[in-house]
Amino acid sequence: MRGGRVAIAAVLAVLPGLVFAGGALACSCSPAPPAESLAEADAAVVGRLLGVEPRGATRAEYRYEVLRVFRGHGAIERGTVLKVTSPRGSAACGLPDGIGRRFGLFLLGGPGRWASGLCGVISPRRLGRAAAQPGASRLASTPSCAS
């Protein structure tokens, strides 16, 4: 059950070094069922991408308008602007940069220090279906531990 969370954390930990390894590398995600990823995430939201600001050579800060909160109520409120740190570029498993588009996001971290990457992106519709599965509300309200 920790596989999705561990995979996201591992990608976020090793990617800055891979950015300098060359253009031949590509992002690779280990798929996990959406309901499992929801249960393992510290937060899960649907947000509209407002902007991307580079933070050094390998990272960027992505700003989202929060449209819906599936996990992380209290730490994240609908209508607020959420800042998420991610690697830069799709080859480094960075978040998509479609300004104005809606994305479902599985997040790690906590208030003021959210992180994600391409492996933590899901369509808003699939995220909603995962949250609607029997037992999902119980799973999504269960506290999760940092890896």
N, C-alpha and C. Protein backbone atom coordinates (compact mmCIF):
# COMPACT_ATOMS: atom_id res chain seq x y z
N MET A 1 0.81 -1.19 0.00
CA MET A 1 0.00 0.00 0.00
C MET A 1 0.86 1.26 0.00
N ARG A 2 2.07 1.17 0.47
CA ARG A 2 2.95 2.32 0.50
C ARG A 2 3.69 2.52 -0.81
N GLY A 3 3.47 1.61 -1.79
CA GLY A 3 4.22 1.64 -3.04
C GLY A 3 4.11 2.94 -3.80
N GLY A 4 2.90 3.47 -3.95
CA GLY A 4 2.72 4.72 -4.70
C GLY A 4 3.40 5.88 -4.01
N ARG A 5 3.26 5.96 -2.69
CA ARG A 5 3.87 7.05 -1.92
C ARG A 5 5.39 6.96 -1.98
N VAL A 6 5.90 5.75 -1.85
CA VAL A 6 7.34 5.54 -1.91
C VAL A 6 7.86 5.88 -3.30
N ALA A 7 7.11 5.49 -4.34
CA ALA A 7 7.54 5.78 -5.71
C ALA A 7 7.60 7.27 -5.95
N ILE A 8 6.58 8.02 -5.50
CA ILE A 8 6.59 9.48 -5.68
C ILE A 8 7.76 10.10 -4.93
N ALA A 9 7.96 9.67 -3.68
CA ALA A 9 9.06 10.22 -2.88
C ALA A 9 10.41 9.91 -3.51
N ALA A 10 10.57 8.69 -4.03
CA ALA A 10 11.84 8.31 -4.66
C ALA A 10 12.11 9.15 -5.90
N VAL A 11 11.09 9.35 -6.69
CA VAL A 11 11.25 10.17 -7.91
C VAL A 11 11.65 11.58 -7.53
N LEU A 12 10.99 12.17 -6.53
CA LEU A 12 11.32 13.53 -6.12
C LEU A 12 12.72 13.63 -5.53
N ALA A 13 13.21 12.55 -4.92
CA ALA A 13 14.53 12.57 -4.30
C ALA A 13 15.67 12.46 -5.31
N VAL A 14 15.50 11.64 -6.33
CA VAL A 14 16.62 11.39 -7.25
C VAL A 14 16.60 12.25 -8.51
N LEU A 15 15.51 12.89 -8.80
CA LEU A 15 15.41 13.59 -10.07
C LEU A 15 16.34 14.77 -10.26
N PRO A 16 16.60 15.57 -9.24
CA PRO A 16 17.52 16.68 -9.50
C PRO A 16 18.86 16.23 -10.09
N GLY A 17 19.41 15.11 -9.64
CA GLY A 17 20.65 14.59 -10.20
C GLY A 17 20.50 14.09 -11.61
N LEU A 18 19.34 13.54 -11.93
CA LEU A 18 19.12 13.02 -13.27
C LEU A 18 19.00 14.12 -14.32
N VAL A 19 18.58 15.30 -13.90
CA VAL A 19 18.43 16.41 -14.85
C VAL A 19 19.75 16.67 -15.55
N PHE A 20 20.85 16.51 -14.84
CA PHE A 20 22.16 16.79 -15.41
C PHE A 20 22.76 15.58 -16.13
N ALA A 21 22.10 14.44 -16.09
CA ALA A 21 22.64 13.22 -16.68
C ALA A 21 22.47 13.17 -18.19
N GLY A 22 21.62 14.01 -18.75
CA GLY A 22 21.49 14.04 -20.20
C GLY A 22 20.05 13.98 -20.63
N GLY A 23 19.81 14.35 -21.90
CA GLY A 23 18.47 14.42 -22.44
C GLY A 23 17.87 13.09 -22.80
N ALA A 24 18.63 12.01 -22.78
CA ALA A 24 18.11 10.71 -23.20
C ALA A 24 17.23 10.07 -22.13
N LEU A 25 17.30 10.57 -20.91
CA LEU A 25 16.50 9.99 -19.83
C LEU A 25 15.05 10.44 -19.95
N ALA A 26 14.13 9.59 -19.58
CA ALA A 26 12.72 9.93 -19.59
C ALA A 26 12.10 9.57 -18.25
N CYS A 27 11.02 10.24 -17.94
CA CYS A 27 10.30 9.97 -16.70
C CYS A 27 9.62 8.62 -16.81
N SER A 28 9.65 7.86 -15.74
CA SER A 28 8.99 6.56 -15.69
C SER A 28 8.29 6.43 -14.35
N CYS A 29 6.99 6.14 -14.39
CA CYS A 29 6.21 6.02 -13.16
C CYS A 29 5.77 4.57 -12.98
N SER A 30 5.75 4.14 -11.74
CA SER A 30 5.24 2.82 -11.39
C SER A 30 3.76 2.99 -11.07
N PRO A 31 2.86 2.46 -11.91
CA PRO A 31 1.44 2.72 -11.70
C PRO A 31 0.91 2.08 -10.42
N ALA A 32 0.05 2.81 -9.76
CA ALA A 32 -0.66 2.32 -8.58
C ALA A 32 -2.13 2.65 -8.79
N PRO A 33 -3.04 1.84 -8.27
CA PRO A 33 -4.45 2.17 -8.39
C PRO A 33 -4.74 3.54 -7.78
N PRO A 34 -5.59 4.35 -8.41
CA PRO A 34 -5.87 5.69 -7.89
C PRO A 34 -6.34 5.70 -6.44
N ALA A 35 -7.17 4.73 -6.04
CA ALA A 35 -7.64 4.70 -4.65
C ALA A 35 -6.47 4.49 -3.69
N GLU A 36 -5.50 3.68 -4.09
CA GLU A 36 -4.32 3.45 -3.26
C GLU A 36 -3.47 4.71 -3.17
N SER A 37 -3.27 5.38 -4.30
CA SER A 37 -2.51 6.63 -4.29
C SER A 37 -3.19 7.68 -3.43
N LEU A 38 -4.52 7.74 -3.49
CA LEU A 38 -5.29 8.68 -2.66
C LEU A 38 -5.05 8.39 -1.18
N ALA A 39 -5.10 7.13 -0.81
CA ALA A 39 -4.92 6.75 0.60
C ALA A 39 -3.51 7.05 1.09
N GLU A 40 -2.52 7.00 0.20
CA GLU A 40 -1.12 7.18 0.60
C GLU A 40 -0.65 8.64 0.54
N ALA A 41 -1.39 9.48 -0.17
CA ALA A 41 -0.99 10.88 -0.32
C ALA A 41 -1.28 11.66 0.97
N ASP A 42 -0.48 12.69 1.22
CA ASP A 42 -0.75 13.57 2.34
C ASP A 42 -1.92 14.49 2.01
N ALA A 43 -2.12 14.77 0.73
CA ALA A 43 -3.24 15.58 0.27
C ALA A 43 -3.52 15.21 -1.18
N ALA A 44 -4.75 15.47 -1.61
CA ALA A 44 -5.15 15.24 -3.00
C ALA A 44 -6.17 16.32 -3.37
N VAL A 45 -5.90 17.00 -4.47
CA VAL A 45 -6.76 18.11 -4.89
C VAL A 45 -6.95 18.10 -6.39
N VAL A 46 -7.96 18.84 -6.81
CA VAL A 46 -8.07 19.24 -8.21
C VAL A 46 -7.80 20.73 -8.23
N GLY A 47 -6.87 21.13 -9.09
CA GLY A 47 -6.52 22.54 -9.15
C GLY A 47 -6.33 23.01 -10.58
N ARG A 48 -6.52 24.30 -10.78
CA ARG A 48 -6.28 24.94 -12.09
C ARG A 48 -4.91 25.61 -12.01
N LEU A 49 -4.03 25.24 -12.93
CA LEU A 49 -2.67 25.79 -12.92
C LEU A 49 -2.69 27.27 -13.29
N LEU A 50 -2.17 28.09 -12.39
CA LEU A 50 -2.13 29.53 -12.59
C LEU A 50 -0.78 30.00 -13.14
N GLY A 51 0.30 29.33 -12.75
CA GLY A 51 1.61 29.76 -13.19
C GLY A 51 2.71 28.85 -12.70
N VAL A 52 3.87 28.99 -13.33
CA VAL A 52 5.05 28.20 -12.97
C VAL A 52 6.21 29.17 -12.85
N GLU A 53 6.92 29.08 -11.72
CA GLU A 53 8.07 29.94 -11.51
C GLU A 53 9.31 29.10 -11.23
N PRO A 54 10.36 29.24 -12.04
CA PRO A 54 11.59 28.47 -11.81
C PRO A 54 12.18 28.79 -10.43
N ARG A 55 12.72 27.76 -9.79
CA ARG A 55 13.40 27.88 -8.50
C ARG A 55 14.75 27.18 -8.63
N GLY A 56 15.66 27.81 -9.33
CA GLY A 56 16.97 27.20 -9.58
C GLY A 56 16.93 26.39 -10.87
N ALA A 57 18.00 25.66 -11.12
CA ALA A 57 18.16 24.93 -12.38
C ALA A 57 17.29 23.68 -12.48
N THR A 58 16.91 23.10 -11.35
CA THR A 58 16.24 21.79 -11.41
C THR A 58 14.84 21.77 -10.82
N ARG A 59 14.38 22.85 -10.22
CA ARG A 59 13.07 22.86 -9.56
C ARG A 59 12.23 24.03 -10.03
N ALA A 60 10.93 23.91 -9.79
CA ALA A 60 10.00 24.99 -10.09
C ALA A 60 8.89 24.98 -9.05
N GLU A 61 8.26 26.14 -8.89
CA GLU A 61 7.09 26.25 -8.02
C GLU A 61 5.87 26.43 -8.92
N TYR A 62 4.91 25.53 -8.75
CA TYR A 62 3.68 25.55 -9.53
C TYR A 62 2.58 26.10 -8.63
N ARG A 63 1.82 27.07 -9.13
CA ARG A 63 0.73 27.67 -8.36
C ARG A 63 -0.61 27.23 -8.95
N TYR A 64 -1.46 26.67 -8.09
CA TYR A 64 -2.78 26.16 -8.49
C TYR A 64 -3.87 26.85 -7.70
N GLU A 65 -4.96 27.17 -8.37
CA GLU A 65 -6.19 27.56 -7.70
C GLU A 65 -6.87 26.26 -7.29
N VAL A 66 -7.13 26.07 -6.01
CA VAL A 66 -7.74 24.82 -5.53
C VAL A 66 -9.23 24.84 -5.85
N LEU A 67 -9.65 23.86 -6.66
CA LEU A 67 -11.05 23.74 -7.05
C LEU A 67 -11.80 22.73 -6.19
N ARG A 68 -11.10 21.70 -5.75
CA ARG A 68 -11.71 20.66 -4.93
C ARG A 68 -10.64 19.98 -4.09
N VAL A 69 -10.97 19.65 -2.84
CA VAL A 69 -10.05 18.98 -1.93
C VAL A 69 -10.60 17.59 -1.64
N PHE A 70 -9.82 16.55 -1.94
CA PHE A 70 -10.22 15.18 -1.65
C PHE A 70 -9.52 14.64 -0.41
N ARG A 71 -8.36 15.16 -0.11
CA ARG A 71 -7.61 14.77 1.08
C ARG A 71 -6.77 15.98 1.48
N GLY A 72 -6.68 16.22 2.79
CA GLY A 72 -5.93 17.37 3.26
C GLY A 72 -6.83 18.52 3.70
N HIS A 73 -8.11 18.20 3.94
CA HIS A 73 -9.03 19.24 4.45
C HIS A 73 -8.45 19.85 5.72
N GLY A 74 -8.56 21.13 5.83
CA GLY A 74 -7.97 21.82 6.98
C GLY A 74 -6.62 22.40 6.64
N ALA A 75 -5.80 21.64 5.93
CA ALA A 75 -4.49 22.12 5.50
C ALA A 75 -4.60 22.86 4.17
N ILE A 76 -5.60 22.48 3.38
CA ILE A 76 -5.83 23.09 2.07
C ILE A 76 -7.31 23.42 1.98
N GLU A 77 -7.61 24.63 1.55
CA GLU A 77 -9.00 25.07 1.43
C GLU A 77 -9.34 25.37 -0.03
N ARG A 78 -10.56 25.02 -0.41
CA ARG A 78 -11.05 25.33 -1.76
C ARG A 78 -10.98 26.84 -1.99
N GLY A 79 -10.55 27.23 -3.19
CA GLY A 79 -10.48 28.64 -3.55
C GLY A 79 -9.15 29.31 -3.25
N THR A 80 -8.28 28.64 -2.49
CA THR A 80 -6.98 29.23 -2.17
C THR A 80 -5.97 28.91 -3.28
N VAL A 81 -4.84 29.59 -3.22
CA VAL A 81 -3.74 29.31 -4.15
C VAL A 81 -2.76 28.39 -3.44
N LEU A 82 -2.51 27.25 -4.06
CA LEU A 82 -1.63 26.23 -3.51
C LEU A 82 -0.30 26.28 -4.26
N LYS A 83 0.80 26.31 -3.53
CA LYS A 83 2.13 26.30 -4.12
C LYS A 83 2.72 24.91 -3.96
N VAL A 84 3.16 24.33 -5.09
CA VAL A 84 3.68 22.96 -5.11
C VAL A 84 5.06 22.98 -5.76
N THR A 85 6.05 22.41 -5.06
CA THR A 85 7.40 22.30 -5.61
C THR A 85 7.50 21.01 -6.40
N SER A 86 8.19 21.09 -7.54
CA SER A 86 8.35 19.93 -8.42
C SER A 86 9.65 20.06 -9.19
N PRO A 87 10.18 18.92 -9.66
CA PRO A 87 11.29 19.01 -10.60
C PRO A 87 10.83 19.80 -11.84
N ARG A 88 11.78 20.32 -12.60
CA ARG A 88 11.45 21.06 -13.82
C ARG A 88 11.54 20.15 -15.03
N GLY A 89 10.55 20.22 -15.88
CA GLY A 89 10.57 19.50 -17.15
C GLY A 89 10.00 18.10 -17.05
N SER A 90 9.36 17.66 -18.14
CA SER A 90 8.71 16.34 -18.15
C SER A 90 9.73 15.19 -18.10
N ALA A 91 10.93 15.38 -18.66
CA ALA A 91 11.94 14.32 -18.61
C ALA A 91 12.39 14.06 -17.17
N ALA A 92 12.26 15.08 -16.32
CA ALA A 92 12.63 14.96 -14.92
C ALA A 92 11.41 14.68 -14.04
N CYS A 93 10.31 14.26 -14.67
CA CYS A 93 9.05 13.96 -13.96
C CYS A 93 8.46 15.20 -13.31
N GLY A 94 8.70 16.37 -13.91
CA GLY A 94 8.10 17.59 -13.41
C GLY A 94 6.61 17.64 -13.74
N LEU A 95 5.90 18.44 -13.00
CA LEU A 95 4.47 18.61 -13.25
C LEU A 95 4.23 19.21 -14.63
N PRO A 96 3.07 18.92 -15.23
CA PRO A 96 2.74 19.53 -16.53
C PRO A 96 2.61 21.04 -16.39
N ASP A 97 2.91 21.76 -17.46
CA ASP A 97 2.88 23.22 -17.39
C ASP A 97 1.75 23.84 -18.21
N GLY A 98 0.62 23.17 -18.29
CA GLY A 98 -0.53 23.68 -19.04
C GLY A 98 -1.28 24.75 -18.26
N ILE A 99 -0.84 25.99 -18.40
CA ILE A 99 -1.48 27.10 -17.69
C ILE A 99 -2.97 27.14 -18.04
N GLY A 100 -3.79 27.26 -17.01
CA GLY A 100 -5.24 27.32 -17.20
C GLY A 100 -5.92 25.96 -17.20
N ARG A 101 -5.17 24.89 -17.29
CA ARG A 101 -5.75 23.54 -17.30
C ARG A 101 -5.99 23.04 -15.88
N ARG A 102 -6.94 22.12 -15.75
CA ARG A 102 -7.25 21.50 -14.46
C ARG A 102 -6.50 20.18 -14.35
N PHE A 103 -5.96 19.92 -13.16
CA PHE A 103 -5.22 18.69 -12.89
C PHE A 103 -5.65 18.12 -11.55
N GLY A 104 -5.70 16.81 -11.46
CA GLY A 104 -5.81 16.13 -10.17
C GLY A 104 -4.38 15.90 -9.70
N LEU A 105 -4.13 16.15 -8.43
CA LEU A 105 -2.77 16.03 -7.88
C LEU A 105 -2.75 15.26 -6.58
N PHE A 106 -1.83 14.31 -6.47
CA PHE A 106 -1.52 13.66 -5.20
C PHE A 106 -0.29 14.40 -4.67
N LEU A 107 -0.37 14.86 -3.43
CA LEU A 107 0.68 15.70 -2.86
C LEU A 107 1.33 15.04 -1.65
N LEU A 108 2.61 15.31 -1.46
CA LEU A 108 3.35 14.91 -0.27
C LEU A 108 3.77 16.18 0.46
N GLY A 109 3.95 16.08 1.75
CA GLY A 109 4.42 17.22 2.53
C GLY A 109 3.36 17.72 3.47
N GLY A 110 3.27 19.03 3.59
CA GLY A 110 2.32 19.66 4.48
C GLY A 110 2.19 21.12 4.16
N PRO A 111 1.38 21.84 4.92
CA PRO A 111 1.14 23.26 4.64
C PRO A 111 2.44 24.04 4.42
N GLY A 112 2.49 24.75 3.31
CA GLY A 112 3.66 25.56 2.99
C GLY A 112 4.82 24.79 2.40
N ARG A 113 4.71 23.47 2.28
CA ARG A 113 5.82 22.67 1.73
C ARG A 113 5.30 21.47 0.94
N TRP A 114 4.36 21.71 0.06
CA TRP A 114 3.80 20.64 -0.76
C TRP A 114 4.73 20.32 -1.92
N ALA A 115 4.79 19.04 -2.29
CA ALA A 115 5.62 18.60 -3.41
C ALA A 115 4.84 17.55 -4.20
N SER A 116 5.14 17.49 -5.48
CA SER A 116 4.56 16.46 -6.35
C SER A 116 5.40 16.40 -7.61
N GLY A 117 5.01 15.51 -8.49
CA GLY A 117 5.67 15.36 -9.78
C GLY A 117 4.72 14.70 -10.75
N LEU A 118 5.19 14.43 -11.92
CA LEU A 118 4.36 13.87 -12.98
C LEU A 118 3.68 12.58 -12.54
N CYS A 119 4.34 11.79 -11.70
CA CYS A 119 3.76 10.53 -11.23
C CYS A 119 2.61 10.75 -10.25
N GLY A 120 2.45 11.97 -9.77
CA GLY A 120 1.36 12.31 -8.86
C GLY A 120 0.22 13.04 -9.53
N VAL A 121 0.18 13.01 -10.87
CA VAL A 121 -0.88 13.70 -11.62
C VAL A 121 -1.91 12.68 -12.08
N ILE A 122 -3.18 13.04 -11.96
CA ILE A 122 -4.28 12.18 -12.37
C ILE A 122 -5.36 13.09 -12.95
N SER A 123 -6.18 12.56 -13.82
CA SER A 123 -7.27 13.39 -14.36
C SER A 123 -8.24 13.70 -13.22
N PRO A 124 -8.82 14.89 -13.21
CA PRO A 124 -9.79 15.22 -12.16
C PRO A 124 -10.93 14.20 -12.08
N ARG A 125 -11.38 13.69 -13.20
CA ARG A 125 -12.47 12.72 -13.21
C ARG A 125 -12.05 11.41 -12.52
N ARG A 126 -10.85 10.92 -12.82
CA ARG A 126 -10.37 9.68 -12.18
C ARG A 126 -10.17 9.88 -10.68
N LEU A 127 -9.70 11.05 -10.27
CA LEU A 127 -9.53 11.33 -8.85
C LEU A 127 -10.89 11.33 -8.15
N GLY A 128 -11.89 11.92 -8.78
CA GLY A 128 -13.24 11.92 -8.21
C GLY A 128 -13.80 10.52 -8.08
N ARG A 129 -13.57 9.68 -9.10
CA ARG A 129 -14.04 8.29 -9.03
C ARG A 129 -13.33 7.52 -7.93
N ALA A 130 -12.02 7.75 -7.76
CA ALA A 130 -11.28 7.07 -6.70
C ALA A 130 -11.81 7.47 -5.33
N ALA A 131 -12.12 8.75 -5.16
CA ALA A 131 -12.62 9.23 -3.88
C ALA A 131 -14.03 8.70 -3.59
N ALA A 132 -14.77 8.38 -4.65
CA ALA A 132 -16.14 7.89 -4.48
C ALA A 132 -16.21 6.39 -4.21
N GLN A 133 -15.11 5.69 -4.32
CA GLN A 133 -15.12 4.24 -4.09
C GLN A 133 -15.45 3.94 -2.64
N PRO A 134 -16.15 2.82 -2.39
CA PRO A 134 -16.48 2.44 -1.01
C PRO A 134 -15.21 2.39 -0.16
N GLY A 135 -15.27 3.01 0.98
CA GLY A 135 -14.13 3.01 1.90
C GLY A 135 -13.13 4.13 1.64
N ALA A 136 -13.28 4.86 0.53
CA ALA A 136 -12.31 5.90 0.21
C ALA A 136 -12.34 7.04 1.24
N SER A 137 -13.52 7.40 1.74
CA SER A 137 -13.58 8.47 2.72
C SER A 137 -12.87 8.07 4.00
N ARG A 138 -12.98 6.78 4.37
CA ARG A 138 -12.28 6.29 5.55
C ARG A 138 -10.78 6.33 5.32
N LEU A 139 -10.34 5.88 4.13
CA LEU A 139 -8.91 5.88 3.82
C LEU A 139 -8.38 7.30 3.75
N ALA A 140 -9.12 8.18 3.10
CA ALA A 140 -8.64 9.54 2.90
C ALA A 140 -8.61 10.35 4.19
N SER A 141 -9.32 9.91 5.22
CA SER A 141 -9.28 10.65 6.47
C SER A 141 -8.27 10.06 7.45
N THR A 142 -7.66 8.94 7.07
CA THR A 142 -6.67 8.30 7.93
C THR A 142 -5.37 9.10 7.87
N PRO A 143 -4.79 9.49 9.01
CA PRO A 143 -3.52 10.21 8.96
C PRO A 143 -2.45 9.38 8.29
N SER A 144 -1.60 10.03 7.52
CA SER A 144 -0.51 9.30 6.88
C SER A 144 0.81 9.79 7.45
N CYS A 145 1.80 8.93 7.40
CA CYS A 145 3.12 9.24 7.95
C CYS A 145 4.05 9.64 6.82
N ALA A 146 4.97 10.51 7.09
CA ALA A 146 5.96 10.90 6.09
C ALA A 146 6.94 9.76 5.89
N SER A 147 7.37 9.60 4.65
CA SER A 147 8.36 8.55 4.36
C SER A 147 9.75 9.05 4.63
